[in-house]
Amino acid sequence: MTATLAARQRGWLLTALACSLALLGCNSEKMQKTEFGIQQNLFLQSLELVEKAGSQLHSSQLDQTRIDSALAGMDSGLRQAFQVDEAFLARLHEKLPEMYLQRFIKGVEEYRLGVTAASRDQQLQGLDKLTQWSNFWAEEKTGILEKMASMTGLPVIES
């Protein structure tokens, strides 16, 4: 009788272990989707904030208050951008990590520093990188956004 009881207990234990592993697998998948969603939001927000800041700096009614507001928006976009994981970008497009890190982020940094230092050359270097980013993004945006949507199962809302 004790051998049968021990065998049953082992069976229950194995069943409980299998259920636990299955639950862990589900949670792991949910965690991955959540992390992907966070990365997606950081990425899209960084683009939106920097684009808005750039538009503010090209306004015909530019005063110090608007310049300060635009630079604060640019800084906020950079903070978002620095949190985007390179592996996330690589999942979306093979060239996206290089273009985002070396053209978008570096371009914003150089332009931002050029504005602060009143260095036209540095601003132009930043703008050159941002133009390269812009050309890439214009070509690849639709495919990247579609891939984001397919990976989350949710539509990507762009502003």
C-alpha atoms as a PDB file:
ATOM      1  CA  MET A   1       0.000   0.000   0.000  1.00  0.00           C
ATOM      2  CA  THR A   2       2.793   2.470   0.776  1.00  0.00           C
ATOM      3  CA  ALA A   3       4.443   1.825  -2.602  1.00  0.00           C
ATOM      4  CA  THR A   4       1.136   2.650  -4.331  1.00  0.00           C
ATOM      5  CA  LEU A   5       0.690   5.782  -2.212  1.00  0.00           C
ATOM      6  CA  ALA A   6       4.257   6.883  -2.987  1.00  0.00           C
ATOM      7  CA  ALA A   7       3.674   6.280  -6.723  1.00  0.00           C
ATOM      8  CA  ARG A   8       0.472   8.364  -6.598  1.00  0.00           C
ATOM      9  CA  GLN A   9       2.247  11.158  -4.771  1.00  0.00           C
ATOM     10  CA  ARG A  10       5.013  11.150  -7.384  1.00  0.00           C
ATOM     11  CA  GLY A  11       2.350  11.267 -10.112  1.00  0.00           C
ATOM     12  CA  TRP A  12       0.634  14.233  -8.456  1.00  0.00           C
ATOM     13  CA  LEU A  13       3.966  15.908  -7.945  1.00  0.00           C
ATOM     14  CA  LEU A  14       4.881  15.434 -11.605  1.00  0.00           C
ATOM     15  CA  THR A  15       1.453  16.723 -12.667  1.00  0.00           C
ATOM     16  CA  ALA A  16       1.837  19.780 -10.421  1.00  0.00           C
ATOM     17  CA  LEU A  17       5.326  20.380 -11.802  1.00  0.00           C
ATOM     18  CA  ALA A  18       4.074  20.136 -15.394  1.00  0.00           C
ATOM     19  CA  CYS A  19       1.258  22.591 -14.630  1.00  0.00           C
ATOM     20  CA  SER A  20       3.711  24.982 -12.997  1.00  0.00           C
ATOM     21  CA  LEU A  21       6.019  24.850 -15.991  1.00  0.00           C
ATOM     22  CA  ALA A  22       3.095  25.474 -18.340  1.00  0.00           C
ATOM     23  CA  LEU A  23       2.048  28.501 -16.276  1.00  0.00           C
ATOM     24  CA  LEU A  24       5.603  29.809 -16.286  1.00  0.00           C
ATOM     25  CA  GLY A  25       5.677  29.492 -20.068  1.00  0.00           C
ATOM     26  CA  CYS A  26       2.471  31.524 -20.357  1.00  0.00           C
ATOM     27  CA  ASN A  27       3.788  34.186 -18.006  1.00  0.00           C
ATOM     28  CA  SER A  28       7.068  34.324 -19.894  1.00  0.00           C
ATOM     29  CA  GLU A  29       5.221  34.933 -23.166  1.00  0.00           C
ATOM     30  CA  LYS A  30       3.100  37.650 -21.536  1.00  0.00           C
ATOM     31  CA  MET A  31       6.224  39.242 -20.086  1.00  0.00           C
ATOM     32  CA  GLN A  32       7.872  39.238 -23.509  1.00  0.00           C
ATOM     33  CA  LYS A  33       4.825  40.881 -25.096  1.00  0.00           C
ATOM     34  CA  THR A  34       4.738  43.466 -22.317  1.00  0.00           C
ATOM     35  CA  GLU A  35       8.446  44.240 -22.760  1.00  0.00           C
ATOM     36  CA  PHE A  36       7.965  44.472 -26.519  1.00  0.00           C
ATOM     37  CA  GLY A  37       5.078  46.904 -25.974  1.00  0.00           C
ATOM     38  CA  ILE A  38       7.192  49.042 -23.660  1.00  0.00           C
ATOM     39  CA  GLN A  39      10.031  49.127 -26.191  1.00  0.00           C
ATOM     40  CA  GLN A  40       7.579  49.953 -28.969  1.00  0.00           C
ATOM     41  CA  ASN A  41       6.186  52.886 -26.982  1.00  0.00           C
ATOM     42  CA  LEU A  42       9.661  54.210 -26.152  1.00  0.00           C
ATOM     43  CA  PHE A  43      10.706  53.999 -29.794  1.00  0.00           C
ATOM     44  CA  LEU A  44       7.602  55.682 -31.218  1.00  0.00           C
ATOM     45  CA  GLN A  45       7.510  58.321 -28.480  1.00  0.00           C
ATOM     46  CA  SER A  46      11.140  59.252 -29.070  1.00  0.00           C
ATOM     47  CA  LEU A  47      10.400  59.850 -32.738  1.00  0.00           C
ATOM     48  CA  GLU A  48       7.283  61.870 -31.978  1.00  0.00           C
ATOM     49  CA  LEU A  49       8.921  64.086 -29.341  1.00  0.00           C
ATOM     50  CA  VAL A  50      11.937  64.898 -31.490  1.00  0.00           C
ATOM     51  CA  GLU A  51       9.798  65.567 -34.560  1.00  0.00           C
ATOM     52  CA  LYS A  52       7.585  67.936 -32.564  1.00  0.00           C
ATOM     53  CA  ALA A  53      10.668  69.724 -31.179  1.00  0.00           C
ATOM     54  CA  GLY A  54      12.090  70.098 -34.674  1.00  0.00           C
ATOM     55  CA  SER A  55       8.841  71.608 -35.893  1.00  0.00           C
ATOM     56  CA  GLN A  56       8.884  74.087 -33.011  1.00  0.00           C
ATOM     57  CA  LEU A  57      12.422  75.172 -33.908  1.00  0.00           C
ATOM     58  CA  HIS A  58      11.351  75.852 -37.484  1.00  0.00           C
ATOM     59  CA  SER A  59       8.479  78.097 -36.435  1.00  0.00           C
ATOM     60  CA  SER A  60       8.363  81.608 -37.830  1.00  0.00           C
ATOM     61  CA  GLN A  61       7.588  82.960 -34.339  1.00  0.00           C
ATOM     62  CA  LEU A  62      10.682  81.699 -32.582  1.00  0.00           C
ATOM     63  CA  ASP A  63      11.513  83.317 -29.256  1.00  0.00           C
ATOM     64  CA  GLN A  64      13.601  82.096 -26.315  1.00  0.00           C
ATOM     65  CA  THR A  65      10.607  80.483 -24.614  1.00  0.00           C
ATOM     66  CA  ARG A  66       9.822  78.413 -27.725  1.00  0.00           C
ATOM     67  CA  ILE A  67      13.484  77.503 -28.179  1.00  0.00           C
ATOM     68  CA  ASP A  68      13.688  76.335 -24.550  1.00  0.00           C
ATOM     69  CA  SER A  69      10.453  74.372 -24.939  1.00  0.00           C
ATOM     70  CA  ALA A  70      11.698  72.723 -28.139  1.00  0.00           C
ATOM     71  CA  LEU A  71      15.038  71.802 -26.562  1.00  0.00           C
ATOM     72  CA  ALA A  72      13.238  70.326 -23.551  1.00  0.00           C
ATOM     73  CA  GLY A  73      11.112  68.242 -25.930  1.00  0.00           C
ATOM     74  CA  MET A  74      14.233  67.128 -27.771  1.00  0.00           C
ATOM     75  CA  ASP A  75      15.852  66.141 -24.469  1.00  0.00           C
ATOM     76  CA  SER A  76      12.751  64.188 -23.521  1.00  0.00           C
ATOM     77  CA  GLY A  77      12.842  62.392 -26.866  1.00  0.00           C
ATOM     78  CA  LEU A  78      16.497  61.530 -26.333  1.00  0.00           C
ATOM     79  CA  ARG A  79      15.750  60.129 -22.864  1.00  0.00           C
ATOM     80  CA  GLN A  80      13.148  57.858 -24.455  1.00  0.00           C
ATOM     81  CA  ALA A  81      15.533  56.917 -27.276  1.00  0.00           C
ATOM     82  CA  PHE A  82      18.327  55.901 -24.885  1.00  0.00           C
ATOM     83  CA  GLN A  83      15.977  53.337 -23.309  1.00  0.00           C
ATOM     84  CA  VAL A  84      15.198  51.550 -26.600  1.00  0.00           C
ATOM     85  CA  ASP A  85      16.954  48.195 -26.706  1.00  0.00           C
ATOM     86  CA  GLU A  86      19.063  47.371 -29.745  1.00  0.00           C
ATOM     87  CA  ALA A  87      17.687  43.807 -29.820  1.00  0.00           C
ATOM     88  CA  PHE A  88      14.148  45.200 -30.095  1.00  0.00           C
ATOM     89  CA  LEU A  89      15.202  47.280 -33.105  1.00  0.00           C
ATOM     90  CA  ALA A  90      16.932  44.302 -34.739  1.00  0.00           C
ATOM     91  CA  ARG A  91      13.724  42.260 -34.511  1.00  0.00           C
ATOM     92  CA  LEU A  92      11.966  44.886 -36.617  1.00  0.00           C
ATOM     93  CA  HIS A  93      14.520  45.508 -39.377  1.00  0.00           C
ATOM     94  CA  GLU A  94      18.137  44.501 -39.878  1.00  0.00           C
ATOM     95  CA  LYS A  95      19.298  48.097 -40.516  1.00  0.00           C
ATOM     96  CA  LEU A  96      17.158  49.724 -37.838  1.00  0.00           C
ATOM     97  CA  PRO A  97      19.650  49.463 -34.938  1.00  0.00           C
ATOM     98  CA  GLU A  98      22.423  51.195 -36.883  1.00  0.00           C
ATOM     99  CA  MET A  99      20.130  53.817 -38.408  1.00  0.00           C
ATOM    100  CA  TYR A 100      18.385  54.600 -35.134  1.00  0.00           C
ATOM    101  CA  LEU A 101      21.532  54.709 -32.995  1.00  0.00           C
ATOM    102  CA  GLN A 102      23.986  56.259 -35.455  1.00  0.00           C
ATOM    103  CA  ARG A 103      21.697  58.528 -37.479  1.00  0.00           C
ATOM    104  CA  PHE A 104      18.659  59.394 -35.356  1.00  0.00           C
ATOM    105  CA  ILE A 105      20.144  59.545 -31.848  1.00  0.00           C
ATOM    106  CA  LYS A 106      23.569  60.857 -32.896  1.00  0.00           C
ATOM    107  CA  GLY A 107      21.904  63.361 -35.226  1.00  0.00           C
ATOM    108  CA  VAL A 108      19.651  64.695 -32.478  1.00  0.00           C
ATOM    109  CA  GLU A 109      22.574  64.879 -30.049  1.00  0.00           C
ATOM    110  CA  GLU A 110      24.791  66.769 -32.485  1.00  0.00           C
ATOM    111  CA  TYR A 111      22.021  69.135 -33.535  1.00  0.00           C
ATOM    112  CA  ARG A 112      21.019  69.731 -29.907  1.00  0.00           C
ATOM    113  CA  LEU A 113      24.612  70.465 -28.877  1.00  0.00           C
ATOM    114  CA  GLY A 114      25.026  72.731 -31.892  1.00  0.00           C
ATOM    115  CA  VAL A 115      21.975  74.772 -30.916  1.00  0.00           C
ATOM    116  CA  THR A 116      23.194  75.084 -27.323  1.00  0.00           C
ATOM    117  CA  ALA A 117      26.724  76.054 -28.379  1.00  0.00           C
ATOM    118  CA  ALA A 118      25.473  78.207 -31.264  1.00  0.00           C
ATOM    119  CA  SER A 119      27.668  76.106 -33.563  1.00  0.00           C
ATOM    120  CA  ARG A 120      26.245  76.155 -37.073  1.00  0.00           C
ATOM    121  CA  ASP A 121      28.680  73.426 -38.194  1.00  0.00           C
ATOM    122  CA  GLN A 122      27.570  71.072 -35.442  1.00  0.00           C
ATOM    123  CA  GLN A 123      23.924  71.786 -36.193  1.00  0.00           C
ATOM    124  CA  LEU A 124      24.523  70.975 -39.869  1.00  0.00           C
ATOM    125  CA  GLN A 125      26.321  67.723 -38.983  1.00  0.00           C
ATOM    126  CA  GLY A 126      23.358  66.734 -36.853  1.00  0.00           C
ATOM    127  CA  LEU A 127      20.906  67.704 -39.587  1.00  0.00           C
ATOM    128  CA  ASP A 128      22.875  65.622 -42.107  1.00  0.00           C
ATOM    129  CA  LYS A 129      22.508  62.539 -39.909  1.00  0.00           C
ATOM    130  CA  LEU A 130      18.836  63.310 -39.304  1.00  0.00           C
ATOM    131  CA  THR A 131      18.291  63.603 -43.065  1.00  0.00           C
ATOM    132  CA  GLN A 132      19.814  60.149 -43.517  1.00  0.00           C
ATOM    133  CA  TRP A 133      17.503  58.847 -40.771  1.00  0.00           C
ATOM    134  CA  SER A 134      14.521  60.569 -42.350  1.00  0.00           C
ATOM    135  CA  ASN A 135      15.214  59.017 -45.762  1.00  0.00           C
ATOM    136  CA  PHE A 136      15.522  55.556 -44.213  1.00  0.00           C
ATOM    137  CA  TRP A 137      12.378  56.005 -42.087  1.00  0.00           C
ATOM    138  CA  ALA A 138      10.340  57.271 -45.056  1.00  0.00           C
ATOM    139  CA  GLU A 139      11.254  54.116 -46.999  1.00  0.00           C
ATOM    140  CA  GLU A 140      10.905  51.574 -44.200  1.00  0.00           C
ATOM    141  CA  LYS A 141       8.291  53.047 -41.840  1.00  0.00           C
ATOM    142  CA  THR A 142       5.271  51.183 -43.203  1.00  0.00           C
ATOM    143  CA  GLY A 143       6.983  47.792 -43.112  1.00  0.00           C
ATOM    144  CA  ILE A 144       8.370  48.372 -39.618  1.00  0.00           C
ATOM    145  CA  LEU A 145       5.002  49.481 -38.238  1.00  0.00           C
ATOM    146  CA  GLU A 146       3.301  46.481 -39.864  1.00  0.00           C
ATOM    147  CA  LYS A 147       5.858  44.171 -38.277  1.00  0.00           C
ATOM    148  CA  MET A 148       5.242  45.796 -34.873  1.00  0.00           C
ATOM    149  CA  ALA A 149       1.514  45.229 -35.280  1.00  0.00           C
ATOM    150  CA  SER A 150       1.986  41.591 -36.288  1.00  0.00           C
ATOM    151  CA  MET A 151       4.248  40.918 -33.304  1.00  0.00           C
ATOM    152  CA  THR A 152       1.815  42.350 -30.769  1.00  0.00           C
ATOM    153  CA  GLY A 153      -1.430  41.431 -32.477  1.00  0.00           C
ATOM    154  CA  LEU A 154      -2.531  45.035 -31.983  1.00  0.00           C
ATOM    155  CA  PRO A 155      -2.652  47.888 -34.462  1.00  0.00           C
ATOM    156  CA  VAL A 156       0.118  50.450 -34.098  1.00  0.00           C
ATOM    157  CA  ILE A 157      -1.257  53.919 -33.626  1.00  0.00           C
ATOM    158  CA  GLU A 158       1.047  56.561 -34.974  1.00  0.00           C
ATOM    159  CA  SER A 159       0.531  60.226 -34.384  1.00  0.00           C
END
